[in-house]
Amino acid sequence: MTIDTTRILGRTGVRVTPLTLGAMNFGRHQTERESLRIIDAALDAGIRVIDTADVYGQGESEEIVGKALRGRRDSVVLATKFNGQIGTDPLAAGNSRRWITRAVDASLKRLGTDYIDLYQAHRPDPHTSLLETLQTLDGLIRQGKIRYYGTSVFPAHVQVEAHWLAERHGLIAPHTEQLPYSLLVRGAEREVFPVAERYGVGVLSYGPLAAGWLSGEYRIGAPQPASARADLIPGRFDVAAQRNQAKLTAADALARLAEDNGLSLIELAIGFALNHPAVSSVIIGPRTQEHLETYLKAATVALSDPVLDRIDEIVEPGTQFHDRDTGRDTPSLQPDALRRRP
């Protein structure tokens, strides 16, 4: 199975494949040898976008991606991210000019390249002026170290502020936004997607399987699936918990819908994520060659209007079952003191 179609990444004019290879597991849950094999297989299958981050494996993921791209660098849109803390130094994190200018050089070295196609702020930084971050990223484009820049799980109002600041100060505005989007995590449809389309921002969505909830294993009456995520954060995955009952009911109904239409739930899930007009590419994180083949097949699925209508009946547009499914903590809600009178 190969991919032979492309889409335009927002207003950049850059053509990207509908699937992006996510490198979060490389060097953490996969050996270097297996990681290199999956990257090679993905590139051979036509995937032309790879997304990583400096914090993945504390730089190990970037190093593995760099090795895999030797001799193939110019045929790939290479994306990485900054913000997460590197090592034990609390200064080695965030979205400040001081850290970004250090982080980009370190990423370039690990990736073995002299430019990054897409450099993304992995999370908002409430302690740093947004204008400072934008000015720094604008400068990196002008220096030639990066081609484009973007954000990841930035609230809609912060994205609007970023574009306003860029226009006011004569800066290049963000080109992309990366966020979770799936059949069970549809909050982006309310505000973020309309903002992205308004400003020509390309969306790289991740988590099309909703952290495993759409793997096909979460079914009513079935045993709790084994999951490393469930061990770390059981509150979001325990099928016996009352707060997860609605999510389990939806996952089961979606699985039955897929079966009724001759699809696997994975095919339904990826086909759905690719269907939204705001989405430029969907990030996948295969851990095996078999996973990769499944995702490649799913990328060819076209969902009919009746199927999409039924999806909307099962999970209402704009719905998200848990706030943490958005991938971010809301600064205005944490800590408690921010929402309580002294």
Protein backbone atom coordinates (compact mmCIF):
# COMPACT_ATOMS: atom_id res chain seq x y z
CA MET A 1 0.00 0.00 0.00
CA THR A 2 1.41 3.41 -0.99
CA ILE A 3 0.25 7.01 -0.72
CA ASP A 4 0.16 8.99 -3.95
CA THR A 5 -1.96 11.99 -2.97
CA THR A 6 -1.00 15.30 -1.38
CA ARG A 7 -2.66 18.28 0.26
CA ILE A 8 -1.61 21.89 0.73
CA LEU A 9 -0.34 22.80 4.21
CA GLY A 10 -2.39 25.85 5.10
CA ARG A 11 -1.27 28.96 3.28
CA THR A 12 2.33 27.75 2.80
CA GLY A 13 1.84 26.25 -0.65
CA VAL A 14 3.82 23.21 0.53
CA ARG A 15 2.38 19.86 -0.52
CA VAL A 16 2.18 17.30 2.27
CA THR A 17 0.94 13.74 2.38
CA PRO A 18 -2.36 13.08 4.19
CA LEU A 19 -0.45 10.99 6.74
CA THR A 20 2.48 12.28 8.79
CA LEU A 21 4.84 9.87 10.52
CA GLY A 22 4.94 10.72 14.23
CA ALA A 23 8.28 9.92 15.88
CA MET A 24 7.30 10.18 19.55
CA ASN A 25 7.93 6.48 20.23
CA PHE A 26 11.30 6.29 18.51
CA GLY A 27 14.04 5.75 21.07
CA ARG A 28 11.55 5.34 23.92
CA HIS A 29 9.25 2.43 23.13
CA GLN A 30 11.08 1.23 20.04
CA THR A 31 14.71 0.30 19.49
CA GLU A 32 16.76 2.36 17.10
CA ARG A 33 16.89 -0.54 14.66
CA GLU A 34 13.10 -0.97 14.64
CA SER A 35 12.58 2.80 14.45
CA LEU A 36 14.83 3.10 11.40
CA ARG A 37 13.03 0.21 9.74
CA ILE A 38 9.62 1.85 10.25
CA ILE A 39 10.85 5.22 8.98
CA ASP A 40 12.29 3.61 5.85
CA ALA A 41 9.06 1.69 5.25
CA ALA A 42 6.97 4.85 5.69
CA LEU A 43 9.12 6.81 3.24
CA ASP A 44 9.07 3.94 0.76
CA ALA A 45 5.26 3.94 1.04
CA GLY A 46 5.12 7.61 0.06
CA ILE A 47 4.79 9.40 3.41
CA ARG A 48 6.68 12.67 3.09
CA VAL A 49 6.18 14.36 6.48
CA ILE A 50 7.90 13.38 9.74
CA ASP A 51 7.07 15.03 13.06
CA THR A 52 9.28 14.77 16.14
CA ALA A 53 10.29 16.94 19.13
CA ASP A 54 13.43 17.61 21.13
CA VAL A 55 11.79 16.28 24.28
CA TYR A 56 10.96 12.88 22.75
CA GLY A 57 13.47 10.58 24.38
CA GLN A 58 15.40 13.71 25.41
CA GLY A 59 16.73 14.14 21.88
CA GLU A 60 17.01 10.47 20.95
CA SER A 61 14.03 10.60 18.58
CA GLU A 62 15.58 13.50 16.66
CA GLU A 63 18.89 11.64 16.39
CA ILE A 64 17.16 8.54 15.00
CA VAL A 65 15.17 10.60 12.50
CA GLY A 66 18.37 12.34 11.44
CA LYS A 67 20.05 9.00 10.76
CA ALA A 68 17.07 7.75 8.79
CA LEU A 69 17.03 10.85 6.55
CA ARG A 70 20.64 10.69 5.43
CA GLY A 71 20.49 10.88 1.66
CA ARG A 72 16.72 11.53 1.71
CA ARG A 73 16.48 14.82 3.57
CA ASP A 74 15.27 17.01 0.69
CA SER A 75 12.35 14.70 -0.09
CA VAL A 76 10.84 15.09 3.38
CA VAL A 77 8.99 17.87 5.19
CA LEU A 78 10.73 17.68 8.57
CA ALA A 79 8.92 19.02 11.63
CA THR A 80 10.13 19.23 15.21
CA LYS A 81 9.15 21.06 18.37
CA PHE A 82 10.56 22.95 21.38
CA ASN A 83 9.21 23.84 24.84
CA GLY A 84 9.60 20.71 26.97
CA GLN A 85 12.44 20.61 29.49
CA ILE A 86 15.67 19.04 28.32
CA GLY A 87 17.70 17.46 31.11
CA THR A 88 17.51 18.73 34.66
CA ASP A 89 18.13 22.42 34.00
CA PRO A 90 14.85 24.36 34.50
CA LEU A 91 16.21 27.04 32.14
CA ALA A 92 16.34 24.50 29.31
CA ALA A 93 12.62 24.77 28.52
CA GLY A 94 9.86 27.14 27.52
CA ASN A 95 9.20 29.60 24.71
CA SER A 96 11.66 32.37 25.58
CA ARG A 97 14.14 33.82 23.11
CA ARG A 98 16.95 32.56 25.31
CA TRP A 99 15.79 28.96 25.09
CA ILE A 100 14.47 28.86 21.51
CA THR A 101 17.78 30.09 20.07
CA ARG A 102 19.61 27.34 21.96
CA ALA A 103 17.03 24.65 21.29
CA VAL A 104 16.93 25.15 17.53
CA ASP A 105 20.69 24.75 17.16
CA ALA A 106 20.60 21.58 19.27
CA SER A 107 17.77 20.16 17.16
CA LEU A 108 19.57 20.99 13.92
CA LYS A 109 22.64 19.13 15.17
CA ARG A 110 20.70 16.07 16.29
CA LEU A 111 18.71 15.96 13.05
CA GLY A 112 21.87 16.33 10.97
CA THR A 113 20.42 19.12 8.84
CA ASP A 114 20.98 22.81 8.29
CA TYR A 115 17.29 23.71 8.20
CA ILE A 116 13.99 22.62 9.75
CA ASP A 117 10.92 22.79 7.56
CA LEU A 118 8.44 23.32 10.41
CA TYR A 119 9.44 24.40 13.92
CA GLN A 120 6.62 24.27 16.47
CA ALA A 121 6.01 25.55 19.98
CA HIS A 122 5.05 22.30 21.68
CA ARG A 123 2.85 24.02 24.26
CA PRO A 124 1.94 27.59 25.22
CA ASP A 125 4.22 29.23 27.77
CA PRO A 126 2.19 31.45 30.15
CA HIS A 127 5.43 32.88 31.60
CA THR A 128 6.79 34.23 28.31
CA SER A 129 5.49 37.12 26.23
CA LEU A 130 3.82 35.72 23.13
CA LEU A 131 5.32 38.61 21.16
CA GLU A 132 8.83 37.54 22.20
CA THR A 133 8.19 34.01 20.97
CA LEU A 134 6.83 35.25 17.64
CA GLN A 135 9.72 37.67 17.14
CA THR A 136 12.22 34.91 17.81
CA LEU A 137 10.60 32.46 15.39
CA ASP A 138 10.26 35.19 12.75
CA GLY A 139 13.99 35.80 13.15
CA LEU A 140 14.81 32.11 12.68
CA ILE A 141 12.93 32.11 9.37
CA ARG A 142 14.89 35.16 8.21
CA GLN A 143 18.14 33.47 9.27
CA GLY A 144 17.24 30.41 7.21
CA LYS A 145 17.34 27.99 10.14
CA ILE A 146 13.63 27.19 9.76
CA ARG A 147 11.23 27.55 6.84
CA TYR A 148 7.91 27.81 8.70
CA TYR A 149 6.74 27.78 12.29
CA GLY A 150 3.65 26.66 14.12
CA THR A 151 1.98 26.01 17.45
CA SER A 152 0.69 22.94 19.23
CA VAL A 153 -2.48 22.79 21.35
CA PHE A 154 -2.72 26.59 21.52
CA PRO A 155 -6.24 27.77 22.46
CA ALA A 156 -8.15 29.57 19.72
CA HIS A 157 -7.97 32.94 21.48
CA VAL A 158 -4.17 32.70 21.74
CA GLN A 159 -3.94 31.86 18.05
CA VAL A 160 -6.00 34.93 17.22
CA GLU A 161 -3.71 37.02 19.44
CA ALA A 162 -0.66 35.61 17.64
CA HIS A 163 -1.99 36.67 14.25
CA TRP A 164 -2.95 40.09 15.58
CA LEU A 165 0.52 40.59 17.06
CA ALA A 166 2.18 39.44 13.86
CA GLU A 167 0.18 41.88 11.76
CA ARG A 168 0.74 44.75 14.19
CA HIS A 169 4.50 44.22 14.42
CA GLY A 170 5.22 43.23 10.83
CA LEU A 171 6.07 39.62 11.67
CA ILE A 172 5.46 36.34 9.89
CA ALA A 173 2.40 34.74 11.51
CA PRO A 174 2.14 31.07 12.56
CA HIS A 175 1.68 28.65 9.68
CA THR A 176 0.38 25.56 11.47
CA GLU A 177 -1.37 24.23 14.56
CA GLN A 178 -0.98 20.70 15.92
CA LEU A 179 -3.73 19.25 18.10
CA PRO A 180 -5.65 16.08 18.99
CA TYR A 181 -8.66 15.28 16.83
CA SER A 182 -10.64 12.09 16.55
CA LEU A 183 -14.12 10.59 16.59
CA LEU A 184 -14.06 10.93 20.40
CA VAL A 185 -12.15 14.22 20.69
CA ARG A 186 -14.00 16.81 18.61
CA GLY A 187 -13.55 19.96 20.69
CA ALA A 188 -11.40 21.58 17.98
CA GLU A 189 -14.45 21.83 15.75
CA ARG A 190 -15.93 24.54 17.98
CA GLU A 191 -13.27 27.25 17.80
CA VAL A 192 -9.81 26.12 16.72
CA PHE A 193 -10.70 24.82 13.26
CA PRO A 194 -12.68 27.95 12.30
CA VAL A 195 -9.75 30.12 13.44
CA ALA A 196 -7.28 27.98 11.51
CA GLU A 197 -9.33 28.24 8.34
CA ARG A 198 -9.79 32.00 8.83
CA TYR A 199 -6.02 32.60 8.97
CA GLY A 200 -4.89 29.93 6.52
CA VAL A 201 -3.29 27.81 9.23
CA GLY A 202 -2.59 24.21 8.32
CA VAL A 203 -3.65 21.66 10.93
CA LEU A 204 -1.58 18.60 11.78
CA SER A 205 -3.93 16.51 13.89
CA TYR A 206 -2.74 13.71 16.14
CA GLY A 207 -4.36 10.95 18.17
CA PRO A 208 -6.79 9.69 15.49
CA LEU A 209 -7.32 6.56 17.61
CA ALA A 210 -8.01 8.63 20.76
CA ALA A 211 -5.12 7.10 22.71
CA GLY A 212 -6.34 3.57 21.97
CA TRP A 213 -10.05 4.07 22.60
CA LEU A 214 -10.63 3.59 18.85
CA SER A 215 -8.40 0.57 18.44
CA GLY A 216 -11.47 -1.68 18.44
CA GLU A 217 -10.64 -3.20 21.82
CA TYR A 218 -12.81 -0.89 23.93
CA ARG A 219 -16.21 -2.60 23.70
CA ILE A 220 -19.15 -2.92 26.05
CA GLY A 221 -18.84 -6.16 27.99
CA ALA A 222 -15.25 -6.76 26.89
CA PRO A 223 -12.39 -6.92 29.43
CA GLN A 224 -10.29 -3.82 30.08
CA PRO A 225 -7.61 -3.71 27.35
CA ALA A 226 -4.01 -3.79 28.51
CA SER A 227 -2.45 -0.38 28.03
CA ALA A 228 0.64 1.44 29.25
CA ARG A 229 -1.36 4.66 29.17
CA ALA A 230 -4.06 3.13 31.37
CA ASP A 231 -1.42 2.19 33.92
CA LEU A 232 -0.12 5.77 34.03
CA ILE A 233 -3.44 7.63 33.97
CA PRO A 234 -6.19 5.14 34.88
CA GLY A 235 -8.80 7.84 35.34
CA ARG A 236 -8.95 8.41 31.59
CA PHE A 237 -9.06 4.75 30.62
CA ASP A 238 -10.81 2.73 33.32
CA VAL A 239 -13.90 1.38 31.58
CA ALA A 240 -15.56 0.73 34.94
CA ALA A 241 -15.35 4.41 35.94
CA GLN A 242 -18.63 6.27 35.66
CA ARG A 243 -17.02 9.22 33.89
CA ASN A 244 -15.89 6.88 31.08
CA GLN A 245 -19.21 5.16 30.50
CA ALA A 246 -20.39 7.62 27.85
CA LYS A 247 -17.06 7.34 26.07
CA LEU A 248 -17.21 3.55 26.12
CA THR A 249 -20.77 3.61 24.79
CA ALA A 250 -19.67 5.86 21.94
CA ALA A 251 -16.61 3.74 21.13
CA ASP A 252 -18.78 0.62 21.00
CA ALA A 253 -21.36 2.27 18.75
CA LEU A 254 -18.63 3.53 16.41
CA ALA A 255 -17.14 0.04 16.21
CA ARG A 256 -20.54 -1.35 15.23
CA LEU A 257 -20.94 1.41 12.62
CA ALA A 258 -17.58 0.49 11.13
CA GLU A 259 -18.49 -3.20 11.01
CA ASP A 260 -21.83 -2.43 9.36
CA ASN A 261 -19.96 -0.63 6.58
CA GLY A 262 -17.25 -3.22 6.03
CA LEU A 263 -14.55 -1.20 7.76
CA SER A 264 -12.32 -1.63 10.76
CA LEU A 265 -12.74 0.97 13.49
CA ILE A 266 -9.21 2.18 12.71
CA GLU A 267 -10.20 2.79 9.10
CA LEU A 268 -13.31 4.66 10.21
CA ALA A 269 -11.29 6.74 12.67
CA ILE A 270 -8.55 7.81 10.27
CA GLY A 271 -11.01 8.36 7.45
CA PHE A 272 -12.96 10.66 9.75
CA ALA A 273 -9.93 12.68 10.86
CA LEU A 274 -8.82 13.16 7.26
CA ASN A 275 -12.28 14.30 6.22
CA HIS A 276 -12.34 17.67 7.98
CA PRO A 277 -11.44 20.53 5.59
CA ALA A 278 -9.17 22.18 8.17
CA VAL A 279 -6.94 19.12 8.54
CA SER A 280 -3.88 19.09 6.29
CA SER A 281 -2.35 15.86 7.58
CA VAL A 282 -3.01 13.27 10.28
CA ILE A 283 -0.10 12.16 12.47
CA ILE A 284 0.22 8.43 12.98
CA GLY A 285 2.56 6.64 15.40
CA PRO A 286 2.98 3.04 14.21
CA ARG A 287 4.92 0.77 16.54
CA THR A 288 5.15 -2.08 14.05
CA GLN A 289 5.19 -2.66 10.31
CA GLU A 290 1.70 -4.15 10.62
CA HIS A 291 0.43 -0.97 12.26
CA LEU A 292 1.91 1.09 9.42
CA GLU A 293 0.19 -1.03 6.77
CA THR A 294 -3.13 -0.66 8.60
CA TYR A 295 -2.79 3.13 8.71
CA LEU A 296 -1.79 3.32 5.05
CA LYS A 297 -4.89 1.37 4.07
CA ALA A 298 -7.06 3.58 6.27
CA ALA A 299 -5.79 6.70 4.49
CA THR A 300 -7.62 5.62 1.33
CA VAL A 301 -11.03 5.38 3.03
CA ALA A 302 -13.72 7.81 1.87
CA LEU A 303 -16.71 8.04 4.20
CA SER A 304 -20.18 8.58 2.76
CA ASP A 305 -22.54 11.29 3.97
CA PRO A 306 -24.83 8.75 5.69
CA VAL A 307 -21.86 7.35 7.63
CA LEU A 308 -20.73 10.84 8.62
CA ASP A 309 -24.29 11.70 9.67
CA ARG A 310 -24.41 8.59 11.86
CA ILE A 311 -21.06 9.54 13.42
CA ASP A 312 -22.53 12.92 14.34
CA GLU A 313 -25.46 11.16 15.99
CA ILE A 314 -23.13 9.00 18.08
CA VAL A 315 -20.73 11.81 19.03
CA GLU A 316 -22.17 15.29 18.63
CA PRO A 317 -19.90 17.72 16.74
CA GLY A 318 -17.68 19.71 19.09
CA THR A 319 -17.86 17.06 21.82
CA GLN A 320 -14.99 16.06 24.08
CA PHE A 321 -15.50 13.66 26.95
CA HIS A 322 -12.58 14.80 29.14
CA ASP A 323 -10.78 18.13 29.26
CA ARG A 324 -7.40 16.36 29.35
CA ASP A 325 -8.21 14.81 25.97
CA THR A 326 -7.41 18.21 24.49
CA GLY A 327 -3.73 17.64 25.26
CA ARG A 328 -3.36 20.70 27.44
CA ASP A 329 -3.89 22.04 30.94
CA THR A 330 -5.96 25.21 30.99
CA PRO A 331 -3.87 27.96 32.65
CA SER A 332 -6.97 29.88 33.77
CA LEU A 333 -8.14 26.87 35.81
CA GLN A 334 -4.88 25.86 37.48
CA PRO A 335 -3.92 26.31 40.24
CA ASP A 336 -7.06 26.58 42.36
CA ALA A 337 -6.11 30.07 43.56
CA LEU A 338 -6.75 31.48 40.08
CA ARG A 339 -10.48 30.77 40.36
CA ARG A 340 -11.10 31.48 44.05
CA ARG A 341 -11.30 34.72 45.95
CA PRO A 342 -8.61 35.13 48.62
